[in-house]
């Protein structure tokens, strides 16, 4: 090969350059991934198997970002996204792909993560999907803002920007319809009554949070503000009570920190019950505004069933539910466990969890306020150690402190319920050093139309024999 030709092949892509590209896989954020002269190229909106002509938007150290100039060969799974604001709203990433293709891509995302970060790649099972992958979200969190001429808007921020996409008139197709109706009504009330929204120049309403149980018979509304006072509070409560019989609980939460976190301050009940009730199979769960609960109630049952299968309980095991939230997974396993203990850092969640345990008649299940890594070591010093630990951590993963504790407490099985394949695989590498080996990974589609995927992975403690490498 001539030297100049070899040099040319090594040249990186340049901004503005147009080039042909075959899409091989899907990325963690739903973008298509192809390779041009061994350089990874990420293309938003491209699907595996497609041949496109891309245009370079940005060149980074280890990859290039490109847009689709046009599609030469489209995927047979490509479809027109049904949502009118799909391309500008940051909520969904995969509406342009048929649902069966979405399920395959999510299975591949889990595989890619293990291939890249983990020392061992287990069996990656087919993704468990939904019969109807729309209108599944039981909770909405719409941010508020000022539009033209001070008009009140509510919706979601566009991907990677602070540009608010107003959903007041179009709604959201993956949220339950009742959530859209109530949020729109609150937005219009705020406009008519001139209730201020939070901006850089004034305090006011930041977020409208609406949560509905699976039967849509109980709805909880929480107004999150940056101000201590909620203007037109009594009028708003009267309006909601008279307009929606489903609303059983109305709260005001004050969050005056400059943080993207919705909750984190103080909550005051304005009217109705402290909690609303979710019924899932044989269980009932009472949830306060701040309590964590899976956003897809239908698939939550599937996820918890898979976690219970992975635990392989016989009725003799002591189980720890780390990151227990309102106690859902721990209680789901309680009928086949000798004892269940859970912990969480949110006090309201622990109160809900113990209330849920009492209602379920699970006297052998107790939930505590505190850190899992600290409490398990304390219990170990008191001669109590779990046989099974299950953890459903945030997207950042379990954290080194908890993984270290797992290595010290040494439960026979560790069931990892993950919402981020990358951190799951990285934690798997850490667990391997502690003697834990993954049996398989079962992806579950909790969020159709998005690139997010949950996975249940059972790790079994099999320490290597001394002297064996």
Protein backbone atom coordinates (compact mmCIF):
# COMPACT_ATOMS: atom_id res chain seq x y z
CA UNK A 1 0.00 0.00 0.00
CA UNK A 2 1.44 3.43 -0.92
CA UNK A 3 2.39 5.55 2.08
CA UNK A 4 0.07 8.41 1.16
CA UNK A 5 -2.93 6.02 0.88
CA UNK A 6 -2.14 4.49 4.27
CA UNK A 7 -1.86 7.97 5.79
CA UNK A 8 -5.18 8.97 4.21
CA UNK A 9 -6.99 5.99 5.78
CA UNK A 10 -5.82 7.09 9.22
CA UNK A 11 -7.10 10.63 8.82
CA UNK A 12 -9.90 11.41 11.29
CA UNK A 13 -13.23 12.77 10.17
CA UNK A 14 -13.57 16.53 9.93
CA UNK A 15 -16.55 18.69 10.93
CA UNK A 16 -18.90 19.23 8.02
CA UNK A 17 -17.58 16.21 6.12
CA UNK A 18 -20.14 14.01 4.35
CA UNK A 19 -19.51 10.26 4.15
CA UNK A 20 -21.29 6.90 3.74
CA UNK A 21 -21.83 4.81 6.87
CA UNK A 22 -23.31 1.43 7.73
CA UNK A 23 -24.96 1.32 11.15
CA UNK A 24 -23.91 -1.71 13.17
CA UNK A 25 -25.39 -1.30 16.66
CA UNK A 26 -27.38 0.97 18.92
CA UNK A 27 -25.86 3.24 21.56
CA UNK A 28 -26.85 3.66 25.20
CA UNK A 29 -28.72 6.86 24.35
CA UNK A 30 -30.53 5.36 21.34
CA UNK A 31 -28.19 6.62 18.64
CA UNK A 32 -26.98 4.41 15.80
CA UNK A 33 -23.29 3.44 15.84
CA UNK A 34 -21.17 2.83 12.76
CA UNK A 35 -17.44 2.81 12.01
CA UNK A 36 -15.66 4.92 9.44
CA UNK A 37 -12.00 3.98 8.98
CA UNK A 38 -12.11 2.36 12.44
CA UNK A 39 -13.47 5.51 14.02
CA UNK A 40 -16.75 5.13 15.95
CA UNK A 41 -19.50 7.42 14.68
CA UNK A 42 -22.70 8.11 16.66
CA UNK A 43 -25.75 9.09 14.59
CA UNK A 44 -29.00 10.15 16.24
CA UNK A 45 -32.05 8.57 14.59
CA UNK A 46 -30.14 5.84 12.69
CA UNK A 47 -31.04 2.17 13.11
CA UNK A 48 -28.86 -0.97 12.96
CA UNK A 49 -28.55 -2.34 9.42
CA UNK A 50 -29.14 1.00 7.71
CA UNK A 51 -26.78 2.55 5.19
CA UNK A 52 -26.77 6.32 5.45
CA UNK A 53 -24.87 9.34 4.22
CA UNK A 54 -23.90 11.24 7.35
CA UNK A 55 -22.52 14.69 8.01
CA UNK A 56 -20.03 15.25 10.82
CA UNK A 57 -21.34 17.62 13.51
CA UNK A 58 -18.59 17.21 16.09
CA UNK A 59 -15.32 15.29 16.46
CA UNK A 60 -14.28 14.11 19.91
CA UNK A 61 -11.19 12.26 21.09
CA UNK A 62 -12.60 8.76 20.73
CA UNK A 63 -15.64 9.23 18.50
CA UNK A 64 -17.44 11.46 16.04
CA UNK A 65 -21.02 12.77 16.20
CA UNK A 66 -22.89 12.90 12.90
CA UNK A 67 -26.38 13.62 11.59
CA UNK A 68 -28.29 11.86 8.83
CA UNK A 69 -27.95 13.65 5.49
CA UNK A 70 -30.09 11.01 3.84
CA UNK A 71 -30.77 7.27 4.10
CA UNK A 72 -29.56 5.04 1.27
CA UNK A 73 -30.93 1.78 2.66
CA UNK A 74 -33.55 2.02 5.40
CA UNK A 75 -34.13 -0.64 8.02
CA UNK A 76 -37.29 -2.70 7.43
CA UNK A 77 -38.12 -1.89 11.06
CA UNK A 78 -38.11 1.88 10.52
CA UNK A 79 -41.48 3.58 11.02
CA UNK A 80 -42.86 7.09 11.33
CA UNK A 81 -42.86 8.19 14.96
CA UNK A 82 -46.50 8.80 16.05
CA UNK A 83 -45.66 11.58 18.53
CA UNK A 84 -45.83 15.08 16.96
CA UNK A 85 -42.97 16.42 19.13
CA UNK A 86 -40.81 13.28 19.05
CA UNK A 87 -37.84 14.92 17.34
CA UNK A 88 -37.60 17.86 19.74
CA UNK A 89 -38.73 16.29 23.03
CA UNK A 90 -36.06 14.49 25.01
CA UNK A 91 -38.42 11.89 26.50
CA UNK A 92 -38.26 9.11 23.87
CA UNK A 93 -35.47 7.95 21.56
CA UNK A 94 -36.80 4.89 19.70
CA UNK A 95 -40.29 5.69 18.40
CA UNK A 96 -38.93 5.49 14.85
CA UNK A 97 -38.30 1.73 15.31
CA UNK A 98 -40.94 -1.01 15.40
CA UNK A 99 -41.38 -2.49 18.85
CA UNK A 100 -39.85 -5.92 18.14
CA UNK A 101 -36.72 -4.13 16.91
CA UNK A 102 -36.64 -2.06 20.10
CA UNK A 103 -36.64 -5.24 22.18
CA UNK A 104 -33.76 -6.70 20.16
CA UNK A 105 -31.76 -3.49 20.45
CA UNK A 106 -32.18 -3.44 24.22
CA UNK A 107 -30.94 -7.01 24.48
CA UNK A 108 -27.93 -5.94 22.44
CA UNK A 109 -27.31 -2.94 24.73
CA UNK A 110 -26.94 -5.29 27.70
CA UNK A 111 -24.64 -7.54 25.65
CA UNK A 112 -22.48 -4.60 24.54
CA UNK A 113 -22.04 -3.42 28.12
CA UNK A 114 -20.87 -6.81 29.36
CA UNK A 115 -18.56 -7.20 26.37
CA UNK A 116 -16.99 -3.82 27.05
CA UNK A 117 -16.75 -3.65 30.83
CA UNK A 118 -17.16 -7.09 32.41
CA UNK A 119 -14.60 -9.92 32.60
CA UNK A 120 -17.34 -12.52 32.06
CA UNK A 121 -20.25 -12.32 29.60
CA UNK A 122 -23.22 -14.39 30.82
CA UNK A 123 -26.17 -15.59 28.77
CA UNK A 124 -28.12 -12.49 27.67
CA UNK A 125 -31.75 -13.53 27.39
CA UNK A 126 -34.37 -11.99 25.09
CA UNK A 127 -35.95 -8.80 26.37
CA UNK A 128 -39.36 -9.21 27.98
CA UNK A 129 -41.63 -6.63 26.39
CA UNK A 130 -45.20 -5.35 26.66
CA UNK A 131 -48.33 -6.26 24.73
CA UNK A 132 -49.23 -2.56 24.49
CA UNK A 133 -46.10 -0.36 24.71
CA UNK A 134 -47.97 2.96 25.08
CA UNK A 135 -49.64 4.87 27.93
CA UNK A 136 -47.70 2.90 30.53
CA UNK A 137 -46.14 5.62 32.73
CA UNK A 138 -48.02 6.07 36.00
CA UNK A 139 -46.24 9.30 36.96
CA UNK A 140 -45.52 12.55 35.15
CA UNK A 141 -43.10 15.29 36.14
CA UNK A 142 -43.55 18.29 33.87
CA UNK A 143 -41.34 21.31 34.35
CA UNK A 144 -42.88 24.74 34.10
CA UNK A 145 -41.64 27.85 32.32
CA UNK A 146 -42.61 31.13 30.69
CA UNK A 147 -43.35 31.16 27.00
CA UNK A 148 -44.10 34.08 24.72
CA UNK A 149 -45.72 37.08 26.41
CA UNK A 150 -45.28 35.41 29.79
CA UNK A 151 -47.57 32.49 28.90
CA UNK A 152 -47.29 29.56 31.33
CA UNK A 153 -45.92 26.39 29.73
CA UNK A 154 -45.34 22.88 31.06
CA UNK A 155 -43.49 19.93 29.57
CA UNK A 156 -40.08 18.31 29.25
CA UNK A 157 -36.69 19.69 28.39
CA UNK A 158 -35.30 18.93 24.96
CA UNK A 159 -32.40 16.48 24.99
CA UNK A 160 -29.12 18.02 26.23
CA UNK A 161 -30.59 21.51 26.49
CA UNK A 162 -32.56 23.82 28.76
CA UNK A 163 -35.17 24.41 26.07
CA UNK A 164 -38.60 23.53 27.44
CA UNK A 165 -40.87 21.63 25.04
CA UNK A 166 -44.45 22.65 25.84
CA UNK A 167 -46.65 19.54 26.03
CA UNK A 168 -49.78 21.28 27.29
CA UNK A 169 -51.74 20.80 24.06
CA UNK A 170 -50.15 17.65 22.61
CA UNK A 171 -49.68 15.62 25.81
CA UNK A 172 -47.34 12.66 26.19
CA UNK A 173 -48.10 9.34 24.49
CA UNK A 174 -46.25 7.15 27.00
CA UNK A 175 -48.02 8.62 30.02
CA UNK A 176 -51.49 7.65 31.18
CA UNK A 177 -54.10 9.99 29.70
CA UNK A 178 -55.39 11.09 33.10
CA UNK A 179 -51.95 12.49 33.94
CA UNK A 180 -51.96 14.62 30.79
CA UNK A 181 -55.48 15.91 31.49
CA UNK A 182 -54.72 16.94 35.06
CA UNK A 183 -51.37 18.53 34.25
CA UNK A 184 -52.94 20.53 31.42
CA UNK A 185 -55.73 21.69 33.71
CA UNK A 186 -53.23 22.84 36.35
CA UNK A 187 -51.21 24.69 33.70
CA UNK A 188 -54.30 26.52 32.43
CA UNK A 189 -55.33 27.35 36.00
CA UNK A 190 -51.89 28.83 36.65
CA UNK A 191 -52.19 30.93 33.49
CA UNK A 192 -55.69 32.20 34.34
CA UNK A 193 -54.85 32.96 37.98
CA UNK A 194 -51.38 34.34 37.14
CA UNK A 195 -49.61 31.87 39.42
CA UNK A 196 -45.86 32.55 38.96
CA UNK A 197 -43.49 29.91 37.64
CA UNK A 198 -39.89 29.58 38.73
CA UNK A 199 -37.38 31.49 36.60
CA UNK A 200 -33.94 32.99 37.13
CA UNK A 201 -35.70 36.22 38.11
CA UNK A 202 -38.54 34.99 40.34
CA UNK A 203 -39.65 32.18 42.64
CA UNK A 204 -42.66 30.08 41.83
CA UNK A 205 -43.84 26.68 40.63
CA UNK A 206 -40.99 24.51 39.29
CA UNK A 207 -42.59 21.13 38.63
CA UNK A 208 -46.07 19.63 38.38
CA UNK A 209 -45.99 16.01 39.59
CA UNK A 210 -49.02 13.78 39.00
CA UNK A 211 -49.13 10.10 39.93
CA UNK A 212 -51.95 7.61 39.27
CA UNK A 213 -52.38 4.03 40.41
CA UNK A 214 -52.87 1.23 37.90
CA UNK A 215 -56.64 1.34 38.16
CA UNK A 216 -56.56 5.17 37.80
CA UNK A 217 -58.93 5.27 40.77
CA UNK A 218 -56.49 7.24 42.92
CA UNK A 219 -54.40 10.19 41.76
CA UNK A 220 -51.84 12.18 43.73
CA UNK A 221 -50.88 15.75 42.77
CA UNK A 222 -47.78 17.51 44.07
CA UNK A 223 -46.81 21.09 43.22
CA UNK A 224 -43.06 21.66 43.63
CA UNK A 225 -42.11 25.29 44.19
CA UNK A 226 -38.98 27.30 44.90
CA UNK A 227 -41.02 29.53 47.22
CA UNK A 228 -42.38 28.71 50.67
CA UNK A 229 -45.82 29.92 49.63
CA UNK A 230 -48.01 28.49 46.88
CA UNK A 231 -50.09 31.37 45.44
CA UNK A 232 -53.81 30.68 45.00
CA UNK A 233 -53.39 27.50 47.05
CA UNK A 234 -56.96 27.18 48.32
CA UNK A 235 -58.43 28.05 44.92
CA UNK A 236 -56.24 25.43 43.23
CA UNK A 237 -57.27 22.72 45.70
CA UNK A 238 -60.96 23.55 45.22
CA UNK A 239 -60.52 23.55 41.44
CA UNK A 240 -58.84 20.14 41.39
CA UNK A 241 -61.32 18.56 43.79
CA UNK A 242 -64.29 19.76 41.75
CA UNK A 243 -62.76 18.88 38.38
CA UNK A 244 -61.30 15.42 38.99
CA UNK A 245 -62.97 12.87 41.27
CA UNK A 246 -59.90 10.62 40.88
CA UNK A 247 -57.67 13.02 42.83
CA UNK A 248 -57.37 11.75 46.40
CA UNK A 249 -54.18 13.47 47.56
CA UNK A 250 -52.77 17.00 47.01
CA UNK A 251 -49.37 18.13 48.33
CA UNK A 252 -47.01 21.10 48.20
CA UNK A 253 -43.26 20.43 48.16
CA UNK A 254 -40.70 23.21 48.65
CA UNK A 255 -37.41 22.66 46.80
CA UNK A 256 -35.46 25.91 46.72
CA UNK A 257 -32.06 24.44 45.83
CA UNK A 258 -30.55 24.99 42.37
CA UNK A 259 -30.60 21.26 41.64
CA UNK A 260 -32.10 19.15 38.83
CA UNK A 261 -33.56 16.87 41.52
CA UNK A 262 -37.33 17.33 41.75
CA UNK A 263 -37.65 16.49 45.44
CA UNK A 264 -35.27 17.22 48.27
CA UNK A 265 -37.01 19.73 50.51
CA UNK A 266 -40.12 19.63 52.68
CA UNK A 267 -43.57 18.31 51.84
CA UNK A 268 -46.91 19.57 53.19
CA UNK A 269 -50.25 17.87 52.59
CA UNK A 270 -52.82 20.38 51.35
CA UNK A 271 -55.81 18.09 51.11
CA UNK A 272 -56.78 14.43 51.11
CA UNK A 273 -54.78 11.37 52.06
CA UNK A 274 -51.07 11.22 52.86
CA UNK A 275 -50.58 8.40 50.36
CA UNK A 276 -52.28 6.69 47.45
CA UNK A 277 -52.56 2.93 47.05
CA UNK A 278 -51.22 0.73 44.26
CA UNK A 279 -52.47 -2.84 43.90
CA UNK A 280 -50.06 -5.29 42.26
CA UNK A 281 -51.04 -8.96 42.23
CA UNK A 282 -51.56 -9.87 45.93
CA UNK A 283 -49.86 -6.75 47.28
CA UNK A 284 -50.92 -3.20 48.08
CA UNK A 285 -48.38 -0.41 48.29
CA UNK A 286 -49.01 2.99 49.89
CA UNK A 287 -46.95 5.77 48.35
CA UNK A 288 -46.20 9.26 49.62
CA UNK A 289 -45.13 11.93 47.10
CA UNK A 290 -41.39 11.35 47.54
CA UNK A 291 -41.52 7.56 47.62
CA UNK A 292 -39.87 5.69 44.74
CA UNK A 293 -42.06 3.33 42.75
CA UNK A 294 -41.59 1.81 39.32
CA UNK A 295 -43.08 4.08 36.63
CA UNK A 296 -44.48 1.10 34.70
CA UNK A 297 -46.78 -0.82 37.06
CA UNK A 298 -47.52 -3.61 34.57
CA UNK A 299 -43.89 -4.39 33.88
CA UNK A 300 -42.96 -3.91 37.55
CA UNK A 301 -44.75 -7.18 38.30
CA UNK A 302 -42.69 -8.88 35.61
CA UNK A 303 -39.46 -7.33 36.91
CA UNK A 304 -40.15 -8.39 40.49
CA UNK A 305 -41.12 -11.91 39.38
CA UNK A 306 -37.78 -12.19 37.59
CA UNK A 307 -35.93 -10.91 40.67
CA UNK A 308 -37.71 -13.49 42.80
CA UNK A 309 -36.80 -16.27 40.35
CA UNK A 310 -33.19 -15.13 40.42
CA UNK A 311 -33.11 -15.28 44.23
CA UNK A 312 -34.08 -19.01 44.23
CA UNK A 313 -35.70 -18.81 47.65
CA UNK A 314 -36.75 -21.93 49.55
CA UNK A 315 -38.35 -20.35 52.60
CA UNK A 316 -35.22 -20.64 54.76
CA UNK A 317 -33.32 -17.57 53.55
CA UNK A 318 -32.66 -14.24 55.22
CA UNK A 319 -33.04 -11.53 52.57
CA UNK A 320 -31.78 -7.95 52.47
CA UNK A 321 -33.49 -5.46 50.15
CA UNK A 322 -30.97 -2.66 49.61
CA UNK A 323 -32.35 0.59 48.13
CA UNK A 324 -35.73 -0.77 49.24
CA UNK A 325 -37.85 2.31 48.48
CA UNK A 326 -41.39 1.53 49.58
CA UNK A 327 -40.45 -2.13 50.14
CA UNK A 328 -41.72 -3.48 46.84
CA UNK A 329 -39.06 -6.09 46.00
CA UNK A 330 -38.52 -7.20 49.59
CA UNK A 331 -42.24 -7.75 50.13
CA UNK A 332 -42.51 -9.47 46.74
CA UNK A 333 -40.00 -12.04 48.03
CA UNK A 334 -41.31 -12.21 51.58
CA UNK A 335 -43.68 -15.17 51.08
CA UNK A 336 -40.71 -17.40 50.22
CA UNK A 337 -38.21 -15.96 52.72
CA UNK A 338 -37.58 -16.62 56.41
CA UNK A 339 -36.87 -12.94 57.12
CA UNK A 340 -36.64 -9.73 55.10
CA UNK A 341 -34.80 -6.57 56.06
CA UNK A 342 -34.65 -3.49 53.87
CA UNK A 343 -33.13 -0.03 54.06
CA UNK A 344 -33.32 3.29 52.27
CA UNK A 345 -32.11 6.85 52.80
CA UNK A 346 -35.55 8.43 52.30
CA UNK A 347 -37.50 8.41 55.58
CA UNK A 348 -40.89 8.73 53.88
CA UNK A 349 -40.14 5.60 51.83
CA UNK A 350 -39.31 3.61 54.97
CA UNK A 351 -42.53 4.73 56.62
CA UNK A 352 -44.42 3.59 53.52
CA UNK A 353 -42.51 0.28 53.44
CA UNK A 354 -43.35 -0.64 57.03
CA UNK A 355 -46.97 0.35 56.48
CA UNK A 356 -47.03 -1.86 53.37
CA UNK A 357 -45.49 -4.78 55.29
CA UNK A 358 -48.08 -4.48 58.05
CA UNK A 359 -50.94 -4.41 55.56
CA UNK A 360 -49.51 -7.45 53.77
CA UNK A 361 -49.28 -9.37 57.05
CA UNK A 362 -45.53 -9.75 56.55
CA UNK A 363 -44.49 -9.57 60.21
CA UNK A 364 -41.09 -11.03 59.28
CA UNK A 365 -40.29 -8.02 57.05
CA UNK A 366 -38.76 -4.88 58.61
CA UNK A 367 -37.48 -1.74 56.92
CA UNK A 368 -34.93 0.73 58.29
CA UNK A 369 -33.72 4.24 57.56
CA UNK A 370 -30.01 4.16 56.74
CA UNK A 371 -27.28 3.09 54.34
CA UNK A 372 -27.23 -0.54 53.22
CA UNK A 373 -23.42 -0.76 53.38
CA UNK A 374 -23.38 0.42 57.02
CA UNK A 375 -26.38 -1.50 58.30
CA UNK A 376 -25.32 -4.87 56.88
CA UNK A 377 -21.90 -4.59 58.56
CA UNK A 378 -23.61 -3.65 61.83
CA UNK A 379 -25.92 -6.66 61.58
CA UNK A 380 -22.96 -8.89 60.80
CA UNK A 381 -21.31 -7.75 64.05
CA UNK A 382 -24.56 -8.74 65.76
CA UNK A 383 -24.26 -12.23 64.19
CA UNK A 384 -26.96 -11.66 61.57
CA UNK A 385 -25.99 -12.06 57.90
CA UNK A 386 -28.20 -12.39 54.82
CA UNK A 387 -28.28 -15.39 52.52
CA UNK A 388 -29.57 -13.25 49.64
CA UNK A 389 -29.11 -9.56 48.94
CA UNK A 390 -31.16 -7.81 46.25
CA UNK A 391 -30.33 -4.29 45.10
CA UNK A 392 -32.16 -1.97 42.73
CA UNK A 393 -29.78 1.01 42.69
CA UNK A 394 -30.01 4.31 40.77
CA UNK A 395 -28.41 4.69 37.33
CA UNK A 396 -25.03 5.38 38.91
CA UNK A 397 -24.87 1.77 40.13
CA UNK A 398 -24.33 0.20 43.52
CA UNK A 399 -21.33 2.23 44.56
CA UNK A 400 -17.98 0.98 45.82
CA UNK A 401 -19.02 1.07 49.49
CA UNK A 402 -21.96 -1.33 48.98
CA UNK A 403 -19.94 -3.63 46.72
CA UNK A 404 -17.20 -3.79 49.36
CA UNK A 405 -19.82 -4.69 51.96
CA UNK A 406 -21.18 -7.45 49.74
CA UNK A 407 -17.64 -8.84 49.56
CA UNK A 408 -17.36 -8.79 53.36
CA UNK A 409 -20.82 -10.11 54.24
CA UNK A 410 -20.66 -12.76 51.48
CA UNK A 411 -24.32 -13.65 50.82
CA UNK A 412 -24.78 -16.81 48.77
CA UNK A 413 -26.63 -14.89 46.06
CA UNK A 414 -26.68 -11.25 45.04
CA UNK A 415 -29.59 -10.25 42.78
CA UNK A 416 -28.81 -7.07 40.86
CA UNK A 417 -31.80 -5.20 39.39
CA UNK A 418 -30.24 -2.64 37.06
CA UNK A 419 -31.57 0.36 35.13
CA UNK A 420 -28.20 1.07 33.48
CA UNK A 421 -26.35 -1.70 31.59
CA UNK A 422 -23.03 0.18 31.70
CA UNK A 423 -22.87 0.55 35.47
CA UNK A 424 -24.23 -2.99 35.85
CA UNK A 425 -21.34 -4.40 33.81
CA UNK A 426 -18.76 -2.24 35.61
CA UNK A 427 -20.11 -3.44 38.96
CA UNK A 428 -19.99 -7.02 37.64
CA UNK A 429 -16.26 -6.61 37.14
CA UNK A 430 -15.91 -5.43 40.73
CA UNK A 431 -18.05 -8.30 42.03
CA UNK A 432 -15.93 -10.83 40.14
CA UNK A 433 -12.95 -9.83 42.28
CA UNK A 434 -15.06 -10.60 45.36
CA UNK A 435 -15.90 -14.08 44.08
CA UNK A 436 -19.30 -13.40 42.50
CA UNK A 437 -20.17 -14.78 39.07
CA UNK A 438 -23.19 -13.79 36.92
CA UNK A 439 -25.50 -16.66 35.94
CA UNK A 440 -27.44 -14.79 33.24
CA UNK A 441 -28.92 -11.38 32.40
CA UNK A 442 -32.66 -10.99 31.85
CA UNK A 443 -33.55 -7.65 30.19
CA UNK A 444 -37.02 -6.25 30.92
CA UNK A 445 -38.48 -3.38 28.91
CA UNK A 446 -39.78 -1.00 31.55
CA UNK A 447 -39.71 2.03 29.23
CA UNK A 448 -40.90 1.27 25.68
CA UNK A 449 -40.06 3.91 23.03
CA UNK A 450 -36.94 4.91 25.01
CA UNK A 451 -33.39 3.54 24.99
CA UNK A 452 -33.59 2.63 28.68
CA UNK A 453 -33.57 -1.03 29.69
CA UNK A 454 -33.74 -2.84 33.01
CA UNK A 455 -31.97 -6.12 33.62
CA UNK A 456 -32.05 -8.72 36.40
CA UNK A 457 -28.76 -10.51 36.99
CA UNK A 458 -28.21 -13.15 39.71
CA UNK A 459 -24.62 -13.33 40.99
CA UNK A 460 -23.53 -16.50 42.80
CA UNK A 461 -20.70 -16.58 45.33
CA UNK A 462 -18.04 -18.99 44.05
CA UNK A 463 -14.69 -18.02 45.52
CA UNK A 464 -11.61 -19.32 43.71
CA UNK A 465 -9.61 -21.89 45.59
CA UNK A 466 -6.38 -20.68 47.11
CA UNK A 467 -3.46 -21.09 44.77
CA UNK A 468 -5.73 -21.20 41.72
CA UNK A 469 -5.39 -18.29 39.31
